[in-house]
Amino acid sequence: MKPEPLAYRVPDACAALGIGRTLLYRLIAEGKIEARAIAGRTIIPAASVNAFLAALPNAPITKSAT
């Protein structure tokens, strides 16, 4: 079994969150997601992604009209 990553590269963080690069960088600029630099690359700590998701409000679940 593959271990969970400690950090994501930008494309991987976008894929994990289901968002685009522009929104990811906006969230970083707003301080909602942390970013680090290593060897000229931006990485996103997995803990920051998890904390961001945990802080989001629950989506309302509606009953289908079928």
C-alpha atoms as a PDB file:
ATOM      1  CA  MET A   1       0.000   0.000   0.000  1.00  0.00           C
ATOM      2  CA  LYS A   2       1.305   3.414  -0.976  1.00  0.00           C
ATOM      3  CA  PRO A   3       1.784   5.820   1.978  1.00  0.00           C
ATOM      4  CA  GLU A   4      -0.128   9.094   2.084  1.00  0.00           C
ATOM      5  CA  PRO A   5       1.982  12.009   0.823  1.00  0.00           C
ATOM      6  CA  LEU A   6       3.392  14.534   3.292  1.00  0.00           C
ATOM      7  CA  ALA A   7       3.028  17.260   0.671  1.00  0.00           C
ATOM      8  CA  TYR A   8       1.590  17.800  -2.788  1.00  0.00           C
ATOM      9  CA  ARG A   9       2.991  19.482  -5.872  1.00  0.00           C
ATOM     10  CA  VAL A  10       0.655  22.162  -7.191  1.00  0.00           C
ATOM     11  CA  PRO A  11      -0.985  19.959  -9.876  1.00  0.00           C
ATOM     12  CA  ASP A  12      -1.487  17.161  -7.349  1.00  0.00           C
ATOM     13  CA  ALA A  13      -2.994  19.509  -4.758  1.00  0.00           C
ATOM     14  CA  CYS A  14      -5.370  20.838  -7.415  1.00  0.00           C
ATOM     15  CA  ALA A  15      -6.397  17.298  -8.323  1.00  0.00           C
ATOM     16  CA  ALA A  16      -6.840  16.301  -4.670  1.00  0.00           C
ATOM     17  CA  LEU A  17      -9.077  19.314  -4.017  1.00  0.00           C
ATOM     18  CA  GLY A  18     -10.843  19.271  -7.382  1.00  0.00           C
ATOM     19  CA  ILE A  19      -9.929  22.904  -8.089  1.00  0.00           C
ATOM     20  CA  GLY A  20      -7.812  24.759 -10.649  1.00  0.00           C
ATOM     21  CA  ARG A  21      -4.415  26.394 -10.268  1.00  0.00           C
ATOM     22  CA  THR A  22      -5.838  29.907 -10.134  1.00  0.00           C
ATOM     23  CA  LEU A  23      -8.117  29.104  -7.206  1.00  0.00           C
ATOM     24  CA  LEU A  24      -5.333  27.222  -5.416  1.00  0.00           C
ATOM     25  CA  TYR A  25      -2.985  30.198  -5.693  1.00  0.00           C
ATOM     26  CA  ARG A  26      -5.802  32.533  -4.559  1.00  0.00           C
ATOM     27  CA  LEU A  27      -6.351  30.359  -1.462  1.00  0.00           C
ATOM     28  CA  ILE A  28      -2.604  30.462  -0.780  1.00  0.00           C
ATOM     29  CA  ALA A  29      -2.553  34.273  -1.155  1.00  0.00           C
ATOM     30  CA  GLU A  30      -5.526  34.544   1.229  1.00  0.00           C
ATOM     31  CA  GLY A  31      -3.687  32.399   3.778  1.00  0.00           C
ATOM     32  CA  LYS A  32      -6.286  29.632   3.660  1.00  0.00           C
ATOM     33  CA  ILE A  33      -3.802  27.036   2.411  1.00  0.00           C
ATOM     34  CA  GLU A  34      -0.118  26.962   3.304  1.00  0.00           C
ATOM     35  CA  ALA A  35       2.608  26.638   0.708  1.00  0.00           C
ATOM     36  CA  ARG A  36       6.324  25.974   0.983  1.00  0.00           C
ATOM     37  CA  ALA A  37       9.189  26.270  -1.452  1.00  0.00           C
ATOM     38  CA  ILE A  38      11.763  23.560  -1.913  1.00  0.00           C
ATOM     39  CA  ALA A  39      14.347  23.405  -4.667  1.00  0.00           C
ATOM     40  CA  GLY A  40      12.478  26.072  -6.637  1.00  0.00           C
ATOM     41  CA  ARG A  41       9.166  24.218  -6.449  1.00  0.00           C
ATOM     42  CA  THR A  42       6.000  25.096  -4.604  1.00  0.00           C
ATOM     43  CA  ILE A  43       4.661  22.332  -2.411  1.00  0.00           C
ATOM     44  CA  ILE A  44       1.494  22.211  -0.355  1.00  0.00           C
ATOM     45  CA  PRO A  45       1.655  20.350   2.974  1.00  0.00           C
ATOM     46  CA  ALA A  46      -0.965  17.589   3.105  1.00  0.00           C
ATOM     47  CA  ALA A  47      -1.864  18.740   6.625  1.00  0.00           C
ATOM     48  CA  SER A  48      -2.786  22.149   5.208  1.00  0.00           C
ATOM     49  CA  VAL A  49      -5.011  20.569   2.548  1.00  0.00           C
ATOM     50  CA  ASN A  50      -6.707  18.409   5.195  1.00  0.00           C
ATOM     51  CA  ALA A  51      -7.195  21.372   7.562  1.00  0.00           C
ATOM     52  CA  PHE A  52      -8.676  23.459   4.745  1.00  0.00           C
ATOM     53  CA  LEU A  53     -11.156  20.710   3.885  1.00  0.00           C
ATOM     54  CA  ALA A  54     -12.078  20.174   7.531  1.00  0.00           C
ATOM     55  CA  ALA A  55     -12.820  23.896   7.944  1.00  0.00           C
ATOM     56  CA  LEU A  56     -15.262  24.014   5.020  1.00  0.00           C
ATOM     57  CA  PRO A  57     -18.972  24.025   5.866  1.00  0.00           C
ATOM     58  CA  ASN A  58     -20.995  20.905   5.179  1.00  0.00           C
ATOM     59  CA  ALA A  59     -22.791  20.948   1.855  1.00  0.00           C
ATOM     60  CA  PRO A  60     -26.559  20.726   2.128  1.00  0.00           C
ATOM     61  CA  ILE A  61     -27.925  17.443   0.869  1.00  0.00           C
ATOM     62  CA  THR A  62     -31.130  17.766  -1.074  1.00  0.00           C
ATOM     63  CA  LYS A  63     -33.468  15.040  -2.142  1.00  0.00           C
ATOM     64  CA  SER A  64     -33.596  14.318  -5.856  1.00  0.00           C
ATOM     65  CA  ALA A  65     -36.844  15.188  -7.640  1.00  0.00           C
ATOM     66  CA  THR A  66     -36.961  11.818  -9.467  1.00  0.00           C
END
